[in-house]
Amino acid sequence: MTMSHELRMLEAMLFAATEPVDEASLAERLPEGSDVAALLAELGAHYEGRGVQLTRVAGRWAFRTADDLAGHLRIERKVVRKLSRAAVETLAIIAYHQPVTRGEIEEIRGVALSKGTLDLLLEIGWIRPVGRRRSPGRPVTWGTSTDFLDQFGLNSLSDLPGVDELKAAGLLDSRPVTTILGEAIGRESEESDGEAEGGKEAGEDRADSVDIDEIEAAFEPDDDSGETGRDEDEPRHGDA
């Protein structure tokens, strides 16, 4: 198909435009007497079935990627989020004291735990609900996930650095143990990634946003033991 001069001009204007163009603006730049509507129809037919198509958007015209190709052209970008000090300390407590309840985390840290802190760690995929305490209210207990082990290069929880290793690394001194363990995990996180990755662009992230209250209300352990074989009085990992 040999395109007329007017059709080529129309194509060039629409291609160079940074936003949709109305017919009046196109007519101002085309030779006097040009039938803009007919030219648009001809140009649209020329691009029919191609990867780029002429589309009418809110009464104006623009080239757009064909709808059936959108899924192949989507660009995914990782969104990174730094862990707050509270999140790092909470993750350290869960790692060393699991299974542990929200109340026990608050007792160890000495301050109230924001729901958003657990939300973030759960959304990243580093923690998971593992059971319920055999105590009034049967609170949910939290533990680390396989993603946590993968992120920090651990084969199992037994590979977490112990007191002697923390002393050898110069991380153990007169500061509170929570701060020390938090710095150890935080430093490991920075070495492996610099920041905690929160997934992809909106719509591409890890499922829907999480809600700790809903999870704690709905979660039931796999069996009736309530604590995957552990009662409240049994020692937890990392307890002296």
C-alpha atoms as a PDB file:
ATOM      1  CA  MET A   1       0.000   0.000   0.000  1.00  0.00           C
ATOM      2  CA  THR A   2       1.365   3.369  -1.062  1.00  0.00           C
ATOM      3  CA  MET A   3       0.520   6.005   1.510  1.00  0.00           C
ATOM      4  CA  SER A   4      -0.462   9.474   0.411  1.00  0.00           C
ATOM      5  CA  HIS A   5       1.419  12.532   1.577  1.00  0.00           C
ATOM      6  CA  GLU A   6      -1.450  13.495   3.901  1.00  0.00           C
ATOM      7  CA  LEU A   7      -1.580  10.007   5.409  1.00  0.00           C
ATOM      8  CA  ARG A   8       2.168  10.002   6.047  1.00  0.00           C
ATOM      9  CA  MET A   9       1.912  13.406   7.719  1.00  0.00           C
ATOM     10  CA  LEU A  10      -0.916  12.164   9.922  1.00  0.00           C
ATOM     11  CA  GLU A  11       1.076   9.081  10.884  1.00  0.00           C
ATOM     12  CA  ALA A  12       4.149  11.173  11.728  1.00  0.00           C
ATOM     13  CA  MET A  13       2.169  13.613  13.886  1.00  0.00           C
ATOM     14  CA  LEU A  14       0.514  10.870  15.884  1.00  0.00           C
ATOM     15  CA  PHE A  15       3.773   8.967  16.264  1.00  0.00           C
ATOM     16  CA  ALA A  16       5.643  12.029  17.563  1.00  0.00           C
ATOM     17  CA  ALA A  17       2.871  13.177  19.902  1.00  0.00           C
ATOM     18  CA  THR A  18       3.465  12.628  23.613  1.00  0.00           C
ATOM     19  CA  GLU A  19      -0.272  12.517  24.322  1.00  0.00           C
ATOM     20  CA  PRO A  20      -3.490  11.835  22.368  1.00  0.00           C
ATOM     21  CA  VAL A  21      -4.340  14.491  19.748  1.00  0.00           C
ATOM     22  CA  ASP A  22      -7.807  15.740  18.796  1.00  0.00           C
ATOM     23  CA  GLU A  23      -8.998  16.004  15.203  1.00  0.00           C
ATOM     24  CA  ALA A  24      -9.010  19.808  15.240  1.00  0.00           C
ATOM     25  CA  SER A  25      -5.303  19.927  16.102  1.00  0.00           C
ATOM     26  CA  LEU A  26      -4.534  17.391  13.378  1.00  0.00           C
ATOM     27  CA  ALA A  27      -6.519  19.383  10.804  1.00  0.00           C
ATOM     28  CA  GLU A  28      -4.483  22.527  11.589  1.00  0.00           C
ATOM     29  CA  ARG A  29      -1.277  20.774  10.518  1.00  0.00           C
ATOM     30  CA  LEU A  30      -2.597  18.890   7.500  1.00  0.00           C
ATOM     31  CA  PRO A  31      -2.960  20.464   4.040  1.00  0.00           C
ATOM     32  CA  GLU A  32      -6.062  22.616   3.733  1.00  0.00           C
ATOM     33  CA  GLY A  33      -9.125  20.653   2.712  1.00  0.00           C
ATOM     34  CA  SER A  34      -7.869  17.303   4.054  1.00  0.00           C
ATOM     35  CA  ASP A  35     -10.603  14.925   5.224  1.00  0.00           C
ATOM     36  CA  VAL A  36      -9.249  14.158   8.699  1.00  0.00           C
ATOM     37  CA  ALA A  37     -11.916  11.585   9.551  1.00  0.00           C
ATOM     38  CA  ALA A  38     -11.299   9.648   6.330  1.00  0.00           C
ATOM     39  CA  LEU A  39      -7.537   9.787   6.822  1.00  0.00           C
ATOM     40  CA  LEU A  40      -7.865   8.490  10.393  1.00  0.00           C
ATOM     41  CA  ALA A  41     -10.068   5.631   9.212  1.00  0.00           C
ATOM     42  CA  GLU A  42      -7.549   4.738   6.501  1.00  0.00           C
ATOM     43  CA  LEU A  43      -4.618   4.911   8.916  1.00  0.00           C
ATOM     44  CA  GLY A  44      -6.495   2.779  11.446  1.00  0.00           C
ATOM     45  CA  ALA A  45      -7.150   0.138   8.787  1.00  0.00           C
ATOM     46  CA  HIS A  46      -3.464   0.216   7.816  1.00  0.00           C
ATOM     47  CA  TYR A  47      -2.439  -0.650  11.391  1.00  0.00           C
ATOM     48  CA  GLU A  48      -5.200  -3.182  11.984  1.00  0.00           C
ATOM     49  CA  GLY A  49      -3.758  -6.450  13.301  1.00  0.00           C
ATOM     50  CA  ARG A  50      -0.296  -4.994  13.960  1.00  0.00           C
ATOM     51  CA  GLY A  51       1.551  -4.666  17.233  1.00  0.00           C
ATOM     52  CA  VAL A  52       0.766  -0.944  17.347  1.00  0.00           C
ATOM     53  CA  GLN A  53      -2.767   0.246  16.645  1.00  0.00           C
ATOM     54  CA  LEU A  54      -4.486   3.588  16.195  1.00  0.00           C
ATOM     55  CA  THR A  55      -6.832   4.066  19.130  1.00  0.00           C
ATOM     56  CA  ARG A  56      -9.360   6.710  20.094  1.00  0.00           C
ATOM     57  CA  VAL A  57      -8.872   7.822  23.691  1.00  0.00           C
ATOM     58  CA  ALA A  58     -11.372  10.227  25.264  1.00  0.00           C
ATOM     59  CA  GLY A  59     -12.256  11.673  21.855  1.00  0.00           C
ATOM     60  CA  ARG A  60      -8.609  12.044  20.807  1.00  0.00           C
ATOM     61  CA  TRP A  61      -6.271   9.819  18.816  1.00  0.00           C
ATOM     62  CA  ALA A  62      -3.027   8.033  19.675  1.00  0.00           C
ATOM     63  CA  PHE A  63      -0.972   4.973  18.842  1.00  0.00           C
ATOM     64  CA  ARG A  64      -1.232   2.269  21.479  1.00  0.00           C
ATOM     65  CA  THR A  65       0.202  -1.206  21.940  1.00  0.00           C
ATOM     66  CA  ALA A  66      -2.225  -3.927  20.876  1.00  0.00           C
ATOM     67  CA  ASP A  67      -4.248  -5.185  23.841  1.00  0.00           C
ATOM     68  CA  ASP A  68      -3.306  -8.830  23.311  1.00  0.00           C
ATOM     69  CA  LEU A  69       0.401  -7.985  23.639  1.00  0.00           C
ATOM     70  CA  ALA A  70       0.152  -6.112  26.939  1.00  0.00           C
ATOM     71  CA  GLY A  71       1.061  -9.149  29.028  1.00  0.00           C
ATOM     72  CA  HIS A  72       4.256  -9.715  27.034  1.00  0.00           C
ATOM     73  CA  LEU A  73       5.420  -6.114  27.355  1.00  0.00           C
ATOM     74  CA  ARG A  74       4.816  -5.576  31.060  1.00  0.00           C
ATOM     75  CA  ILE A  75       7.899  -4.307  32.851  1.00  0.00           C
ATOM     76  CA  GLU A  76       8.388  -5.582  36.384  1.00  0.00           C
ATOM     77  CA  ARG A  77      10.473  -3.538  38.764  1.00  0.00           C
ATOM     78  CA  LYS A  78      11.517  -4.609  42.221  1.00  0.00           C
ATOM     79  CA  VAL A  79      10.457  -2.327  45.019  1.00  0.00           C
ATOM     80  CA  VAL A  80      12.960  -2.258  47.869  1.00  0.00           C
ATOM     81  CA  ARG A  81      12.192  -1.316  51.432  1.00  0.00           C
ATOM     82  CA  LYS A  82      14.612  -0.860  54.292  1.00  0.00           C
ATOM     83  CA  LEU A  83      13.745  -2.721  57.457  1.00  0.00           C
ATOM     84  CA  SER A  84      13.183  -0.447  60.424  1.00  0.00           C
ATOM     85  CA  ARG A  85      15.114  -1.043  63.626  1.00  0.00           C
ATOM     86  CA  ALA A  86      11.923  -2.406  65.201  1.00  0.00           C
ATOM     87  CA  ALA A  87      11.489  -4.878  62.327  1.00  0.00           C
ATOM     88  CA  VAL A  88      15.101  -6.067  62.570  1.00  0.00           C
ATOM     89  CA  GLU A  89      14.838  -6.561  66.337  1.00  0.00           C
ATOM     90  CA  THR A  90      11.502  -8.351  65.971  1.00  0.00           C
ATOM     91  CA  LEU A  91      12.934 -10.658  63.308  1.00  0.00           C
ATOM     92  CA  ALA A  92      15.919 -11.425  65.542  1.00  0.00           C
ATOM     93  CA  ILE A  93      13.654 -12.283  68.479  1.00  0.00           C
ATOM     94  CA  ILE A  94      11.486 -14.558  66.346  1.00  0.00           C
ATOM     95  CA  ALA A  95      14.557 -16.261  64.883  1.00  0.00           C
ATOM     96  CA  TYR A  96      16.171 -16.974  68.257  1.00  0.00           C
ATOM     97  CA  HIS A  97      13.094 -17.543  70.425  1.00  0.00           C
ATOM     98  CA  GLN A  98      10.604 -19.197  68.075  1.00  0.00           C
ATOM     99  CA  PRO A  99       7.881 -20.164  68.511  1.00  0.00           C
ATOM    100  CA  VAL A 100       7.066 -16.837  70.149  1.00  0.00           C
ATOM    101  CA  THR A 101       3.877 -14.793  70.574  1.00  0.00           C
ATOM    102  CA  ARG A 102       3.395 -11.105  69.941  1.00  0.00           C
ATOM    103  CA  GLY A 103       3.163 -10.527  73.692  1.00  0.00           C
ATOM    104  CA  GLU A 104       6.470 -12.327  74.288  1.00  0.00           C
ATOM    105  CA  ILE A 105       8.132 -10.219  71.591  1.00  0.00           C
ATOM    106  CA  GLU A 106       6.898  -7.087  73.344  1.00  0.00           C
ATOM    107  CA  GLU A 107       8.153  -8.397  76.700  1.00  0.00           C
ATOM    108  CA  ILE A 108      11.633  -9.047  75.314  1.00  0.00           C
ATOM    109  CA  ARG A 109      11.851  -5.702  73.494  1.00  0.00           C
ATOM    110  CA  GLY A 110      10.315  -3.781  76.381  1.00  0.00           C
ATOM    111  CA  VAL A 111       8.030  -1.773  74.094  1.00  0.00           C
ATOM    112  CA  ALA A 112       4.706  -2.315  72.334  1.00  0.00           C
ATOM    113  CA  LEU A 113       4.936  -4.003  68.936  1.00  0.00           C
ATOM    114  CA  SER A 114       3.327  -2.197  66.029  1.00  0.00           C
ATOM    115  CA  LYS A 115       1.029  -4.375  63.921  1.00  0.00           C
ATOM    116  CA  GLY A 116       2.747  -2.950  60.845  1.00  0.00           C
ATOM    117  CA  THR A 117       6.042  -4.542  61.893  1.00  0.00           C
ATOM    118  CA  LEU A 118       4.629  -8.066  61.749  1.00  0.00           C
ATOM    119  CA  ASP A 119       2.679  -7.115  58.609  1.00  0.00           C
ATOM    120  CA  LEU A 120       5.914  -6.203  56.833  1.00  0.00           C
ATOM    121  CA  LEU A 121       7.829  -9.313  57.899  1.00  0.00           C
ATOM    122  CA  LEU A 122       4.899 -11.508  56.896  1.00  0.00           C
ATOM    123  CA  GLU A 123       4.510  -9.762  53.534  1.00  0.00           C
ATOM    124  CA  ILE A 124       8.204 -10.213  52.787  1.00  0.00           C
ATOM    125  CA  GLY A 125       7.761 -13.876  53.632  1.00  0.00           C
ATOM    126  CA  TRP A 126      10.356 -14.184  56.401  1.00  0.00           C
ATOM    127  CA  ILE A 127       7.938 -15.174  59.199  1.00  0.00           C
ATOM    128  CA  ARG A 128       4.858 -17.394  59.435  1.00  0.00           C
ATOM    129  CA  PRO A 129       2.295 -18.480  62.057  1.00  0.00           C
ATOM    130  CA  VAL A 130       3.315 -21.878  63.443  1.00  0.00           C
ATOM    131  CA  GLY A 131       0.821 -22.694  66.197  1.00  0.00           C
ATOM    132  CA  ARG A 132      -1.056 -21.466  69.244  1.00  0.00           C
ATOM    133  CA  ARG A 133      -0.056 -21.281  72.900  1.00  0.00           C
ATOM    134  CA  ARG A 134      -1.879 -23.489  75.407  1.00  0.00           C
ATOM    135  CA  SER A 135      -2.696 -20.424  77.452  1.00  0.00           C
ATOM    136  CA  PRO A 136      -5.701 -18.110  77.872  1.00  0.00           C
ATOM    137  CA  GLY A 137      -6.682 -16.640  74.543  1.00  0.00           C
ATOM    138  CA  ARG A 138      -4.547 -19.221  72.709  1.00  0.00           C
ATOM    139  CA  PRO A 139      -2.338 -16.552  71.088  1.00  0.00           C
ATOM    140  CA  VAL A 140      -0.707 -17.323  67.748  1.00  0.00           C
ATOM    141  CA  THR A 141       2.996 -18.119  67.846  1.00  0.00           C
ATOM    142  CA  TRP A 142       5.392 -16.985  65.142  1.00  0.00           C
ATOM    143  CA  GLY A 143       8.431 -18.588  63.572  1.00  0.00           C
ATOM    144  CA  THR A 144      10.715 -17.996  60.610  1.00  0.00           C
ATOM    145  CA  SER A 145      10.091 -19.404  57.135  1.00  0.00           C
ATOM    146  CA  THR A 146      12.204 -21.209  54.555  1.00  0.00           C
ATOM    147  CA  ASP A 147      12.501 -17.855  52.741  1.00  0.00           C
ATOM    148  CA  PHE A 148      14.232 -16.510  55.857  1.00  0.00           C
ATOM    149  CA  LEU A 149      16.762 -19.350  55.747  1.00  0.00           C
ATOM    150  CA  ASP A 150      17.318 -18.764  52.032  1.00  0.00           C
ATOM    151  CA  GLN A 151      17.768 -15.001  52.449  1.00  0.00           C
ATOM    152  CA  PHE A 152      20.444 -15.392  55.123  1.00  0.00           C
ATOM    153  CA  GLY A 153      22.152 -18.444  53.633  1.00  0.00           C
ATOM    154  CA  LEU A 154      21.215 -20.831  56.452  1.00  0.00           C
ATOM    155  CA  ASN A 155      20.579 -24.542  56.056  1.00  0.00           C
ATOM    156  CA  SER A 156      18.612 -24.714  59.310  1.00  0.00           C
ATOM    157  CA  LEU A 157      18.006 -22.701  62.473  1.00  0.00           C
ATOM    158  CA  SER A 158      20.895 -24.514  64.117  1.00  0.00           C
ATOM    159  CA  ASP A 159      23.168 -22.512  61.798  1.00  0.00           C
ATOM    160  CA  LEU A 160      22.177 -19.221  63.452  1.00  0.00           C
ATOM    161  CA  PRO A 161      25.227 -17.652  65.120  1.00  0.00           C
ATOM    162  CA  GLY A 162      25.487 -18.494  68.820  1.00  0.00           C
ATOM    163  CA  VAL A 163      26.789 -16.440  71.738  1.00  0.00           C
ATOM    164  CA  ASP A 164      30.414 -17.480  71.174  1.00  0.00           C
ATOM    165  CA  GLU A 165      30.240 -16.565  67.491  1.00  0.00           C
ATOM    166  CA  LEU A 166      28.674 -13.198  68.287  1.00  0.00           C
ATOM    167  CA  LYS A 167      31.446 -12.503  70.806  1.00  0.00           C
ATOM    168  CA  ALA A 168      34.105 -13.485  68.274  1.00  0.00           C
ATOM    169  CA  ALA A 169      32.545 -11.128  65.737  1.00  0.00           C
ATOM    170  CA  GLY A 170      32.625  -8.294  68.286  1.00  0.00           C
ATOM    171  CA  LEU A 171      28.826  -8.049  68.353  1.00  0.00           C
ATOM    172  CA  LEU A 172      28.341  -9.058  71.975  1.00  0.00           C
ATOM    173  CA  ASP A 173      28.999  -6.466  74.671  1.00  0.00           C
ATOM    174  CA  SER A 174      27.094  -4.730  77.440  1.00  0.00           C
ATOM    175  CA  ARG A 175      24.223  -3.679  75.184  1.00  0.00           C
ATOM    176  CA  PRO A 176      20.840  -5.445  75.426  1.00  0.00           C
ATOM    177  CA  VAL A 177      20.801  -8.850  73.770  1.00  0.00           C
ATOM    178  CA  THR A 178      17.877  -7.788  71.558  1.00  0.00           C
ATOM    179  CA  THR A 179      19.938  -4.947  70.098  1.00  0.00           C
ATOM    180  CA  ILE A 180      22.921  -7.224  69.527  1.00  0.00           C
ATOM    181  CA  LEU A 181      20.941  -9.937  67.775  1.00  0.00           C
ATOM    182  CA  GLY A 182      19.112  -7.327  65.743  1.00  0.00           C
ATOM    183  CA  GLU A 183      22.392  -5.827  64.538  1.00  0.00           C
ATOM    184  CA  ALA A 184      23.694  -9.275  63.646  1.00  0.00           C
ATOM    185  CA  ILE A 185      20.699 -10.046  61.460  1.00  0.00           C
ATOM    186  CA  GLY A 186      20.546  -6.498  60.120  1.00  0.00           C
ATOM    187  CA  ARG A 187      24.197  -6.626  59.092  1.00  0.00           C
ATOM    188  CA  GLU A 188      23.673  -9.971  57.378  1.00  0.00           C
ATOM    189  CA  SER A 189      20.682  -8.516  55.535  1.00  0.00           C
ATOM    190  CA  GLU A 190      22.724  -5.550  54.278  1.00  0.00           C
ATOM    191  CA  GLU A 191      25.512  -7.823  53.064  1.00  0.00           C
ATOM    192  CA  SER A 192      23.157 -10.080  51.137  1.00  0.00           C
ATOM    193  CA  ASP A 193      20.893  -7.472  49.590  1.00  0.00           C
ATOM    194  CA  GLY A 194      21.394  -4.071  51.127  1.00  0.00           C
ATOM    195  CA  GLU A 195      17.680  -3.802  51.694  1.00  0.00           C
ATOM    196  CA  ALA A 196      14.681  -6.055  52.140  1.00  0.00           C
ATOM    197  CA  GLU A 197      12.890  -6.628  48.852  1.00  0.00           C
ATOM    198  CA  GLY A 198       9.174  -6.124  49.060  1.00  0.00           C
ATOM    199  CA  GLY A 199       8.263  -7.688  45.705  1.00  0.00           C
ATOM    200  CA  LYS A 200       7.161  -6.042  42.486  1.00  0.00           C
ATOM    201  CA  GLU A 201       5.115  -3.183  41.219  1.00  0.00           C
ATOM    202  CA  ALA A 202       1.578  -2.646  42.408  1.00  0.00           C
ATOM    203  CA  GLY A 203      -0.515  -5.530  41.185  1.00  0.00           C
ATOM    204  CA  GLU A 204       2.607  -7.690  40.957  1.00  0.00           C
ATOM    205  CA  ASP A 205       3.361  -7.823  44.634  1.00  0.00           C
ATOM    206  CA  ARG A 206       2.969 -10.825  46.935  1.00  0.00           C
ATOM    207  CA  ALA A 207      -0.804 -11.482  46.710  1.00  0.00           C
ATOM    208  CA  ASP A 208      -2.957  -8.971  48.619  1.00  0.00           C
ATOM    209  CA  SER A 209      -1.874  -6.926  51.605  1.00  0.00           C
ATOM    210  CA  VAL A 210      -1.693  -8.945  54.788  1.00  0.00           C
ATOM    211  CA  ASP A 211      -3.565  -8.303  58.015  1.00  0.00           C
ATOM    212  CA  ILE A 212      -2.031  -9.759  61.162  1.00  0.00           C
ATOM    213  CA  ASP A 213      -5.275  -9.512  63.156  1.00  0.00           C
ATOM    214  CA  GLU A 214      -7.171 -11.524  60.534  1.00  0.00           C
ATOM    215  CA  ILE A 215      -4.423 -14.139  60.363  1.00  0.00           C
ATOM    216  CA  GLU A 216      -4.269 -14.526  64.132  1.00  0.00           C
ATOM    217  CA  ALA A 217      -8.054 -14.814  64.302  1.00  0.00           C
ATOM    218  CA  ALA A 218      -8.296 -17.395  61.528  1.00  0.00           C
ATOM    219  CA  PHE A 219      -5.109 -19.401  61.994  1.00  0.00           C
ATOM    220  CA  GLU A 220      -5.356 -22.922  63.354  1.00  0.00           C
ATOM    221  CA  PRO A 221      -2.378 -25.295  63.672  1.00  0.00           C
ATOM    222  CA  ASP A 222      -2.206 -28.427  61.558  1.00  0.00           C
ATOM    223  CA  ASP A 223      -3.066 -30.598  64.560  1.00  0.00           C
ATOM    224  CA  ASP A 224      -4.608 -30.131  67.975  1.00  0.00           C
ATOM    225  CA  SER A 225      -1.326 -29.895  69.812  1.00  0.00           C
ATOM    226  CA  GLY A 226      -1.638 -26.112  69.599  1.00  0.00           C
ATOM    227  CA  GLU A 227       2.121 -25.647  69.477  1.00  0.00           C
ATOM    228  CA  THR A 228       3.504 -28.109  66.957  1.00  0.00           C
ATOM    229  CA  GLY A 229       4.492 -30.368  69.833  1.00  0.00           C
ATOM    230  CA  ARG A 230       5.686 -27.588  72.140  1.00  0.00           C
ATOM    231  CA  ASP A 231       3.906 -26.269  75.179  1.00  0.00           C
ATOM    232  CA  GLU A 232       4.322 -22.830  76.665  1.00  0.00           C
ATOM    233  CA  ASP A 233       6.593 -24.083  79.428  1.00  0.00           C
ATOM    234  CA  GLU A 234       8.978 -25.919  77.125  1.00  0.00           C
ATOM    235  CA  PRO A 235      12.258 -24.136  76.261  1.00  0.00           C
ATOM    236  CA  ARG A 236      12.390 -22.300  72.943  1.00  0.00           C
ATOM    237  CA  HIS A 237      15.310 -22.049  70.559  1.00  0.00           C
ATOM    238  CA  GLY A 238      17.891 -19.695  72.003  1.00  0.00           C
ATOM    239  CA  ASP A 239      16.637 -19.844  75.600  1.00  0.00           C
ATOM    240  CA  ALA A 240      19.333 -20.314  78.182  1.00  0.00           C
END
